[in-house]
C-alpha cells in the first residue's frame, strides 16, 4: 500500500524508529485514558509488538500518523484497521494520537476520514466500526465529524481508573460514506 495523504497529514507504514515514541505514548496515563491499555509496557514489549508486524497480513498492519511541519513530517500517533471480516465486509478501526501538543487540532477526525476512505476504496469493505468509552467525549466528537454514527452501547463494559464506563459502538456504512462524499 502506498502512503495515504490527507489535507494536513499522511498515513504511512510503521518503522522501527517509531517504536521509542510509541513506547513513550503507551506509558502516558493521559494518552492511554481512552484506550484498552491499562498496564505499563516495557520497551521489550513494544519491540516484540513491532517484530510481530512482519507476520501480519498487509491489510491489518498499523499505520503511522504524521503531520507536515515545515519541510519535514512529524510523527503524532498511529492507527489501523483490524479484525477484518471478509464475509460480511466489516472491520474495526483504532487510533492513538500520542503527541499531546497536537490534540484538539482536528487530526483525529482527518485520520479517521482517511481510514474510512481506505476501508471503502481500497479494502472494499461495507462497514467500518469502532469502540469508544463514553468518558472520551473528544474522541466521540471526532468520530462523528468523520461520519460515524452511534450504533449501540455496552453498559459498564470497561473498568478503568476505579470505575466502570460504558463502551459506545459507532460505525459508518459504505452507502452513508458515499452519500456524504457526494454532498461535499
C-alpha atoms as a PDB file:
ATOM      1  CA  UNK A   1       0.000   0.000   0.000  1.00  0.00           C
ATOM      2  CA  UNK A   2       1.173   3.492  -0.802  1.00  0.00           C
ATOM      3  CA  UNK A   3       1.286   6.374   1.649  1.00  0.00           C
ATOM      4  CA  UNK A   4      -2.209   7.790   2.225  1.00  0.00           C
ATOM      5  CA  UNK A   5      -2.250  11.592   2.040  1.00  0.00           C
ATOM      6  CA  UNK A   6      -4.832  13.923   3.536  1.00  0.00           C
ATOM      7  CA  UNK A   7      -5.039  17.709   3.678  1.00  0.00           C
ATOM      8  CA  UNK A   8      -2.870  18.099   6.771  1.00  0.00           C
ATOM      9  CA  UNK A   9      -1.417  14.666   7.427  1.00  0.00           C
ATOM     10  CA  UNK A  10      -0.339  11.371   5.966  1.00  0.00           C
ATOM     11  CA  UNK A  11      -0.577   7.728   6.970  1.00  0.00           C
ATOM     12  CA  UNK A  12       2.478   5.590   6.293  1.00  0.00           C
ATOM     13  CA  UNK A  13       3.890   2.222   7.295  1.00  0.00           C
ATOM     14  CA  UNK A  14       5.211   1.938  10.847  1.00  0.00           C
ATOM     15  CA  UNK A  15       9.021   1.825  11.015  1.00  0.00           C
ATOM     16  CA  UNK A  16      11.384   0.575  13.716  1.00  0.00           C
ATOM     17  CA  UNK A  17      12.406   4.157  14.592  1.00  0.00           C
ATOM     18  CA  UNK A  18       8.769   4.851  15.601  1.00  0.00           C
ATOM     19  CA  UNK A  19       8.899   2.294  18.426  1.00  0.00           C
ATOM     20  CA  UNK A  20      10.561   4.565  21.023  1.00  0.00           C
ATOM     21  CA  UNK A  21       7.865   7.222  20.559  1.00  0.00           C
ATOM     22  CA  UNK A  22       5.077   4.605  20.697  1.00  0.00           C
ATOM     23  CA  UNK A  23       6.608   3.258  23.920  1.00  0.00           C
ATOM     24  CA  UNK A  24       6.544   6.744  25.427  1.00  0.00           C
ATOM     25  CA  UNK A  25       2.891   7.227  24.468  1.00  0.00           C
ATOM     26  CA  UNK A  26       1.559   3.863  25.675  1.00  0.00           C
ATOM     27  CA  UNK A  27       3.069   4.573  29.093  1.00  0.00           C
ATOM     28  CA  UNK A  28       1.480   8.017  29.451  1.00  0.00           C
ATOM     29  CA  UNK A  29      -1.745   7.681  31.515  1.00  0.00           C
ATOM     30  CA  UNK A  30      -3.220  10.772  29.863  1.00  0.00           C
ATOM     31  CA  UNK A  31      -2.727   9.268  26.390  1.00  0.00           C
ATOM     32  CA  UNK A  32      -3.993   5.793  27.307  1.00  0.00           C
ATOM     33  CA  UNK A  33      -7.020   7.030  29.256  1.00  0.00           C
ATOM     34  CA  UNK A  34      -9.278   6.236  26.279  1.00  0.00           C
ATOM     35  CA  UNK A  35      -7.507   3.023  25.250  1.00  0.00           C
ATOM     36  CA  UNK A  36      -7.856  -0.593  26.340  1.00  0.00           C
ATOM     37  CA  UNK A  37      -4.281  -0.474  27.709  1.00  0.00           C
ATOM     38  CA  UNK A  38      -4.146  -0.433  31.495  1.00  0.00           C
ATOM     39  CA  UNK A  39      -0.695  -1.736  32.493  1.00  0.00           C
ATOM     40  CA  UNK A  40       2.770  -0.318  31.772  1.00  0.00           C
ATOM     41  CA  UNK A  41       4.513  -1.586  28.639  1.00  0.00           C
ATOM     42  CA  UNK A  42       8.237  -2.260  28.551  1.00  0.00           C
ATOM     43  CA  UNK A  43      10.420  -1.347  25.595  1.00  0.00           C
ATOM     44  CA  UNK A  44      10.878  -5.101  25.058  1.00  0.00           C
ATOM     45  CA  UNK A  45       7.056  -5.441  24.829  1.00  0.00           C
ATOM     46  CA  UNK A  46       6.886  -2.643  22.272  1.00  0.00           C
ATOM     47  CA  UNK A  47       9.783  -4.082  20.238  1.00  0.00           C
ATOM     48  CA  UNK A  48       8.134  -7.512  20.343  1.00  0.00           C
ATOM     49  CA  UNK A  49       4.921  -5.939  19.028  1.00  0.00           C
ATOM     50  CA  UNK A  50       6.861  -4.283  16.216  1.00  0.00           C
ATOM     51  CA  UNK A  51       8.671  -7.525  15.319  1.00  0.00           C
ATOM     52  CA  UNK A  52       5.337  -9.357  15.146  1.00  0.00           C
ATOM     53  CA  UNK A  53       4.109  -6.945  12.452  1.00  0.00           C
ATOM     54  CA  UNK A  54       6.181  -8.752   9.808  1.00  0.00           C
ATOM     55  CA  UNK A  55       3.884 -11.770  10.188  1.00  0.00           C
ATOM     56  CA  UNK A  56       0.631  -9.809   9.816  1.00  0.00           C
ATOM     57  CA  UNK A  57      -1.430  -9.529   6.671  1.00  0.00           C
ATOM     58  CA  UNK A  58      -0.648  -6.229   4.920  1.00  0.00           C
ATOM     59  CA  UNK A  59      -4.281  -5.081   5.307  1.00  0.00           C
ATOM     60  CA  UNK A  60      -4.137  -5.074   9.096  1.00  0.00           C
ATOM     61  CA  UNK A  61      -0.705  -3.574   9.696  1.00  0.00           C
ATOM     62  CA  UNK A  62      -0.889  -0.346  11.702  1.00  0.00           C
ATOM     63  CA  UNK A  63      -0.120   2.992  10.094  1.00  0.00           C
ATOM     64  CA  UNK A  64       1.898   5.879  11.495  1.00  0.00           C
ATOM     65  CA  UNK A  65       0.202   9.289  11.536  1.00  0.00           C
ATOM     66  CA  UNK A  66       2.412  12.211  10.539  1.00  0.00           C
ATOM     67  CA  UNK A  67       1.702  15.915  10.123  1.00  0.00           C
ATOM     68  CA  UNK A  68       3.615  18.375   7.947  1.00  0.00           C
ATOM     69  CA  UNK A  69       5.964  20.611   9.942  1.00  0.00           C
ATOM     70  CA  UNK A  70       7.709  22.939   7.516  1.00  0.00           C
ATOM     71  CA  UNK A  71       9.585  20.727   5.062  1.00  0.00           C
ATOM     72  CA  UNK A  72       9.521  17.730   7.422  1.00  0.00           C
ATOM     73  CA  UNK A  73       6.973  15.282   8.759  1.00  0.00           C
ATOM     74  CA  UNK A  74       6.274  14.870  12.495  1.00  0.00           C
ATOM     75  CA  UNK A  75       5.026  11.578  13.982  1.00  0.00           C
ATOM     76  CA  UNK A  76       1.960  12.199  16.178  1.00  0.00           C
ATOM     77  CA  UNK A  77       0.291   8.796  16.502  1.00  0.00           C
ATOM     78  CA  UNK A  78      -0.808   5.587  14.861  1.00  0.00           C
ATOM     79  CA  UNK A  79      -3.976   3.984  13.603  1.00  0.00           C
ATOM     80  CA  UNK A  80      -5.194   0.889  11.851  1.00  0.00           C
ATOM     81  CA  UNK A  81      -7.821  -1.450  10.512  1.00  0.00           C
ATOM     82  CA  UNK A  82      -8.116  -4.816  12.220  1.00  0.00           C
ATOM     83  CA  UNK A  83     -10.358  -7.854  12.691  1.00  0.00           C
ATOM     84  CA  UNK A  84     -11.423  -7.744   9.053  1.00  0.00           C
ATOM     85  CA  UNK A  85     -14.463  -9.943   8.438  1.00  0.00           C
ATOM     86  CA  UNK A  86     -14.149 -10.874   4.761  1.00  0.00           C
ATOM     87  CA  UNK A  87     -17.595 -12.477   4.567  1.00  0.00           C
ATOM     88  CA  UNK A  88     -19.527  -9.529   5.985  1.00  0.00           C
ATOM     89  CA  UNK A  89     -17.048  -6.934   4.615  1.00  0.00           C
ATOM     90  CA  UNK A  90     -16.636  -5.274   8.013  1.00  0.00           C
ATOM     91  CA  UNK A  91     -13.654  -4.229  10.141  1.00  0.00           C
ATOM     92  CA  UNK A  92     -12.809  -2.395  13.337  1.00  0.00           C
ATOM     93  CA  UNK A  93     -10.720   0.788  13.361  1.00  0.00           C
ATOM     94  CA  UNK A  94      -8.441   2.169  16.036  1.00  0.00           C
ATOM     95  CA  UNK A  95      -6.446   5.350  16.590  1.00  0.00           C
ATOM     96  CA  UNK A  96      -3.963   6.821  19.046  1.00  0.00           C
ATOM     97  CA  UNK A  97      -2.884  10.458  18.884  1.00  0.00           C
ATOM     98  CA  UNK A  98       0.035  10.249  21.293  1.00  0.00           C
ATOM     99  CA  UNK A  99       1.589  13.689  20.851  1.00  0.00           C
ATOM    100  CA  UNK A 100      -0.485  15.736  23.305  1.00  0.00           C
ATOM    101  CA  UNK A 101       0.784  19.022  21.828  1.00  0.00           C
ATOM    102  CA  UNK A 102      -1.200  18.119  18.689  1.00  0.00           C
ATOM    103  CA  UNK A 103      -4.505  17.303  20.428  1.00  0.00           C
ATOM    104  CA  UNK A 104      -7.642  19.299  19.572  1.00  0.00           C
ATOM    105  CA  UNK A 105      -6.412  20.304  16.117  1.00  0.00           C
ATOM    106  CA  UNK A 106      -8.654  18.049  14.013  1.00  0.00           C
ATOM    107  CA  UNK A 107      -6.019  15.412  13.277  1.00  0.00           C
ATOM    108  CA  UNK A 108      -8.113  12.619  14.798  1.00  0.00           C
ATOM    109  CA  UNK A 109     -11.091  13.396  12.573  1.00  0.00           C
ATOM    110  CA  UNK A 110      -8.920  13.688   9.477  1.00  0.00           C
ATOM    111  CA  UNK A 111      -7.149  10.425  10.289  1.00  0.00           C
ATOM    112  CA  UNK A 112     -10.429   8.580  10.740  1.00  0.00           C
ATOM    113  CA  UNK A 113     -11.791  10.048   7.497  1.00  0.00           C
ATOM    114  CA  UNK A 114      -8.701   8.778   5.655  1.00  0.00           C
ATOM    115  CA  UNK A 115      -9.033   5.346   7.268  1.00  0.00           C
ATOM    116  CA  UNK A 116     -12.698   5.142   6.296  1.00  0.00           C
ATOM    117  CA  UNK A 117     -11.851   6.081   2.713  1.00  0.00           C
ATOM    118  CA  UNK A 118      -9.150   3.391   2.763  1.00  0.00           C
ATOM    119  CA  UNK A 119     -11.695   0.849   4.066  1.00  0.00           C
ATOM    120  CA  UNK A 120     -14.171   1.546   1.272  1.00  0.00           C
ATOM    121  CA  UNK A 121     -11.946   2.418  -1.681  1.00  0.00           C
ATOM    122  CA  UNK A 122      -9.006   0.073  -1.079  1.00  0.00           C
ATOM    123  CA  UNK A 123     -10.209  -2.775   1.137  1.00  0.00           C
ATOM    124  CA  UNK A 124     -13.700  -2.941  -0.415  1.00  0.00           C
ATOM    125  CA  UNK A 125     -15.458  -3.054   2.959  1.00  0.00           C
ATOM    126  CA  UNK A 126     -19.106  -2.228   3.564  1.00  0.00           C
ATOM    127  CA  UNK A 127     -18.920  -1.270   7.248  1.00  0.00           C
ATOM    128  CA  UNK A 128     -16.241   0.266   9.457  1.00  0.00           C
ATOM    129  CA  UNK A 129     -16.789   0.410  13.204  1.00  0.00           C
ATOM    130  CA  UNK A 130     -15.015   1.327  16.415  1.00  0.00           C
ATOM    131  CA  UNK A 131     -15.424   1.216  20.150  1.00  0.00           C
ATOM    132  CA  UNK A 132     -15.045   4.305  22.339  1.00  0.00           C
ATOM    133  CA  UNK A 133     -15.558   4.958  26.059  1.00  0.00           C
ATOM    134  CA  UNK A 134     -18.392   7.376  26.850  1.00  0.00           C
ATOM    135  CA  UNK A 135     -15.956   9.351  29.006  1.00  0.00           C
ATOM    136  CA  UNK A 136     -13.865  10.112  25.888  1.00  0.00           C
ATOM    137  CA  UNK A 137     -16.105  12.933  24.672  1.00  0.00           C
ATOM    138  CA  UNK A 138     -13.378  14.486  22.485  1.00  0.00           C
ATOM    139  CA  UNK A 139     -12.976  11.214  20.572  1.00  0.00           C
ATOM    140  CA  UNK A 140     -16.744  10.756  20.135  1.00  0.00           C
ATOM    141  CA  UNK A 141     -16.988  14.221  18.554  1.00  0.00           C
ATOM    142  CA  UNK A 142     -14.023  13.444  16.325  1.00  0.00           C
ATOM    143  CA  UNK A 143     -15.629  10.221  15.097  1.00  0.00           C
ATOM    144  CA  UNK A 144     -18.940  11.963  14.434  1.00  0.00           C
ATOM    145  CA  UNK A 145     -17.105  14.546  12.285  1.00  0.00           C
ATOM    146  CA  UNK A 146     -15.635  11.635  10.315  1.00  0.00           C
ATOM    147  CA  UNK A 147     -19.150  10.283   9.613  1.00  0.00           C
ATOM    148  CA  UNK A 148     -19.550   7.658  12.346  1.00  0.00           C
ATOM    149  CA  UNK A 149     -22.962   7.224  13.965  1.00  0.00           C
ATOM    150  CA  UNK A 150     -23.867   5.669  17.290  1.00  0.00           C
ATOM    151  CA  UNK A 151     -24.893   2.058  16.844  1.00  0.00           C
ATOM    152  CA  UNK A 152     -25.161   0.879  20.419  1.00  0.00           C
ATOM    153  CA  UNK A 153     -23.903   0.948  23.980  1.00  0.00           C
ATOM    154  CA  UNK A 154     -22.257  -1.761  26.045  1.00  0.00           C
ATOM    155  CA  UNK A 155     -23.218  -0.765  29.570  1.00  0.00           C
ATOM    156  CA  UNK A 156     -20.435  -0.652  32.167  1.00  0.00           C
ATOM    157  CA  UNK A 157     -18.308  -2.808  29.878  1.00  0.00           C
ATOM    158  CA  UNK A 158     -14.907  -1.422  30.894  1.00  0.00           C
ATOM    159  CA  UNK A 159     -13.270  -0.855  34.258  1.00  0.00           C
ATOM    160  CA  UNK A 160     -10.617   1.876  34.351  1.00  0.00           C
ATOM    161  CA  UNK A 161      -9.420   4.319  36.961  1.00  0.00           C
ATOM    162  CA  UNK A 162     -11.533   2.765  39.688  1.00  0.00           C
ATOM    163  CA  UNK A 163     -14.883   2.922  37.920  1.00  0.00           C
ATOM    164  CA  UNK A 164     -16.948   1.295  35.208  1.00  0.00           C
ATOM    165  CA  UNK A 165     -17.693   3.100  31.947  1.00  0.00           C
ATOM    166  CA  UNK A 166     -19.961   2.344  29.021  1.00  0.00           C
ATOM    167  CA  UNK A 167     -18.459   1.488  25.651  1.00  0.00           C
ATOM    168  CA  UNK A 168     -20.114   3.027  22.597  1.00  0.00           C
ATOM    169  CA  UNK A 169     -20.148   1.193  19.276  1.00  0.00           C
ATOM    170  CA  UNK A 170     -20.013   3.625  16.353  1.00  0.00           C
ATOM    171  CA  UNK A 171     -19.960   2.791  12.666  1.00  0.00           C
ATOM    172  CA  UNK A 172     -20.136   4.151   9.160  1.00  0.00           C
ATOM    173  CA  UNK A 173     -21.551   2.254   6.194  1.00  0.00           C
ATOM    174  CA  UNK A 174     -20.281   2.496   2.649  1.00  0.00           C
ATOM    175  CA  UNK A 175     -23.675   3.868   1.500  1.00  0.00           C
ATOM    176  CA  UNK A 176     -23.533   6.635   4.140  1.00  0.00           C
ATOM    177  CA  UNK A 177     -19.952   7.483   3.287  1.00  0.00           C
ATOM    178  CA  UNK A 178     -20.710   7.569  -0.462  1.00  0.00           C
ATOM    179  CA  UNK A 179     -23.673   9.868   0.179  1.00  0.00           C
ATOM    180  CA  UNK A 180     -21.599  12.199   2.429  1.00  0.00           C
ATOM    181  CA  UNK A 181     -18.747  12.262  -0.110  1.00  0.00           C
ATOM    182  CA  UNK A 182     -21.085  13.272  -2.956  1.00  0.00           C
ATOM    183  CA  UNK A 183     -22.503  16.115  -0.839  1.00  0.00           C
ATOM    184  CA  UNK A 184     -19.069  17.693  -0.351  1.00  0.00           C
END
